Protein backbone atom coordinates (compact mmCIF):
# COMPACT_ATOMS: atom_id res chain seq x y z
CA UNK A 1 89.90 94.29 100.38
CA UNK A 2 92.57 95.79 102.09
CA UNK A 3 93.77 98.90 99.97
CA UNK A 4 96.44 99.27 102.22
CA UNK A 5 98.95 97.04 103.46
CA UNK A 6 101.30 96.78 106.52
CA UNK A 7 104.31 98.05 104.30
CA UNK A 8 102.66 101.23 103.31
CA UNK A 9 101.62 102.03 106.99
CA UNK A 10 104.98 101.63 108.00
CA UNK A 11 106.13 104.28 105.09
CA UNK A 12 103.31 106.74 106.33
CA UNK A 13 104.19 106.61 109.58
CA UNK A 14 108.01 107.05 108.91
CA UNK A 15 106.93 110.04 107.25
CA UNK A 16 104.50 111.47 109.74
CA UNK A 17 107.00 110.66 112.33
CA UNK A 18 110.36 111.98 110.78
CA UNK A 19 108.73 114.88 108.05
CA UNK A 20 108.30 118.22 109.87
CA UNK A 21 106.76 120.24 107.01
CA UNK A 22 103.56 119.55 105.13
CA UNK A 23 103.16 116.49 103.31
CA UNK A 24 100.54 115.60 100.45
CA UNK A 25 99.03 112.39 99.49
CA UNK A 26 97.94 112.04 95.53
CA UNK A 27 97.29 109.37 93.25
CA UNK A 28 95.48 106.35 94.43
CA UNK A 29 95.58 107.31 97.99
CA UNK A 30 93.94 110.38 97.45
CA UNK A 31 91.20 108.80 95.17
CA UNK A 32 90.69 106.60 98.24
CA UNK A 33 90.61 109.14 100.63
CA UNK A 34 88.00 111.17 98.80
CA UNK A 35 85.77 108.42 97.04
CA UNK A 36 85.96 106.39 100.19
CA UNK A 37 86.22 103.40 97.97
CA UNK A 38 89.04 101.71 95.81
CA UNK A 39 88.58 99.52 93.04
CA UNK A 40 92.01 98.13 93.49
CA UNK A 41 94.86 97.95 96.37
CA UNK A 42 97.25 101.05 96.67
CA UNK A 43 100.55 100.18 94.88
CA UNK A 44 103.08 103.36 95.15
CA UNK A 45 102.93 106.29 96.88
CA UNK A 46 102.61 109.52 95.33
CA UNK A 47 103.82 112.17 97.58
CA UNK A 48 103.47 115.72 96.88
CA UNK A 49 105.86 118.65 98.87
CA UNK A 50 105.80 122.34 98.23
CA UNK A 51 108.73 123.67 99.71
CA UNK A 52 112.33 122.83 99.82
CA UNK A 53 112.90 122.21 103.60
CA UNK A 54 110.23 119.29 103.55
CA UNK A 55 111.83 117.91 100.36
CA UNK A 56 115.39 118.04 101.97
CA UNK A 57 114.38 116.36 105.09
CA UNK A 58 112.66 113.21 102.63
CA UNK A 59 116.31 113.56 100.82
CA UNK A 60 117.57 112.76 104.18
CA UNK A 61 115.13 110.12 105.09
CA UNK A 62 115.24 108.27 101.93
CA UNK A 63 117.74 107.42 99.33
CA UNK A 64 116.45 108.93 96.54
CA UNK A 65 117.33 106.73 93.44
CA UNK A 66 116.63 109.17 90.26
CA UNK A 67 115.69 112.72 89.58
CA UNK A 68 113.08 113.36 86.19
CA UNK A 69 110.83 115.78 84.96
CA UNK A 70 106.92 114.40 85.93
CA UNK A 71 105.21 112.58 83.23
CA UNK A 72 102.15 114.71 84.52
CA UNK A 73 103.77 118.20 83.37
CA UNK A 74 102.75 117.57 79.94
CA UNK A 75 99.00 118.01 81.38
CA UNK A 76 98.96 119.99 83.97
CA UNK A 77 99.57 123.69 84.86
CA UNK A 78 101.46 123.11 88.05
CA UNK A 79 105.16 121.92 87.62
CA UNK A 80 106.77 119.07 89.19
CA UNK A 81 110.13 117.26 89.87
CA UNK A 82 109.50 113.84 90.38
CA UNK A 83 112.03 112.17 92.70
CA UNK A 84 111.61 107.87 93.01
CA UNK A 85 112.97 105.79 95.83
CA UNK A 86 111.98 102.67 97.24
CA UNK A 87 111.33 101.83 100.96
CA UNK A 88 110.41 98.80 102.87
CA UNK A 89 108.94 97.34 99.26
CA UNK A 90 106.80 100.32 98.57
CA UNK A 91 107.79 102.49 95.62
CA UNK A 92 107.75 106.26 96.34
CA UNK A 93 107.22 109.10 94.17
CA UNK A 94 108.08 112.23 95.91
CA UNK A 95 106.73 114.87 93.54
CA UNK A 96 108.32 118.82 94.26
CA UNK A 97 106.53 121.87 93.09
CA UNK A 98 108.07 125.45 93.81
CA UNK A 99 104.46 126.65 93.08
CA UNK A 100 102.86 128.23 96.19
CA UNK A 101 99.85 125.89 97.42
CA UNK A 102 96.45 126.85 97.98
CA UNK A 103 95.20 125.59 101.37
CA UNK A 104 91.71 126.12 100.04
CA UNK A 105 92.27 123.33 97.62
CA UNK A 106 93.53 121.21 100.12
CA UNK A 107 92.34 119.20 102.82
CA UNK A 108 92.86 116.33 105.31
CA UNK A 109 91.14 112.77 105.91
CA UNK A 110 91.83 110.46 109.05
CA UNK A 111 92.29 107.00 108.09
CA UNK A 112 92.92 104.35 110.50
CA UNK A 113 94.42 106.85 112.88
CA UNK A 114 96.44 108.43 110.59
CA UNK A 115 96.05 112.11 108.84
CA UNK A 116 96.26 112.38 105.36
CA UNK A 117 96.99 115.62 103.51
CA UNK A 118 95.36 115.69 100.06
CA UNK A 119 93.36 117.66 97.28
CA UNK A 120 90.00 118.35 98.15
CA UNK A 121 87.44 116.87 95.88
CA UNK A 122 86.46 119.98 94.02
CA UNK A 123 90.44 120.20 92.95
CA UNK A 124 91.04 116.96 92.29
CA UNK A 125 88.15 117.38 89.47
CA UNK A 126 89.46 120.45 88.27
CA UNK A 127 93.02 118.74 87.81
CA UNK A 128 91.40 115.57 86.16
CA UNK A 129 89.85 117.58 83.79
CA UNK A 130 92.77 119.76 82.72
CA UNK A 131 94.63 116.42 82.47
CA UNK A 132 91.41 114.76 80.27
CA UNK A 133 91.84 118.10 78.02
CA UNK A 134 95.64 118.34 77.49
CA UNK A 135 96.13 114.84 76.71
CA UNK A 136 94.52 115.15 73.60
CA UNK A 137 95.21 114.27 70.72
CA UNK A 138 98.77 113.05 71.46
CA UNK A 139 98.42 111.05 74.50
CA UNK A 140 95.30 108.28 74.25
CA UNK A 141 96.79 106.20 77.05
CA UNK A 142 96.48 108.77 79.23
CA UNK A 143 93.38 110.41 77.98
CA UNK A 144 92.03 106.88 78.73
CA UNK A 145 93.33 106.63 82.13
CA UNK A 146 92.12 109.98 83.15
CA UNK A 147 88.69 110.21 81.77
CA UNK A 148 88.38 106.53 83.60
CA UNK A 149 89.33 108.00 86.78
CA UNK A 150 87.24 111.35 86.40
CA UNK A 151 84.26 108.91 85.73
CA UNK A 152 84.47 107.79 89.18
CA UNK A 153 84.22 111.38 90.65
CA UNK A 154 81.55 112.77 88.46
């Protein structure tokens, strides 16, 4: 199974070429890079940024369609503002946090000649556990979703 399609790579290559600041990939891209396998092809791209300069570069690169609080803010101590855009048929969620990033909790992986910054395995497990804990008792859908992902890591 091909996890990424050419449209994903075009978006990823464009970001790598045009954005000077650090961009971190989350979601199913991050899961694939850490676990080195996928249970389904990648859908949207979740991009996390931690500085205003990088965010502005992304705004200049893409037509941002909407801004809203991230759904995950209910479960995660780190808060994000979510911006949504589409490019080359791919939905892109840009998650912006003004909080300082802990570089010790992040790593990078090279896949098919492309470098991806993302959270490390230990931090991803920590995040998933927090999401599972904070999703109860109010959001059974989220609890089930995060629990399934967490089981893949343990």
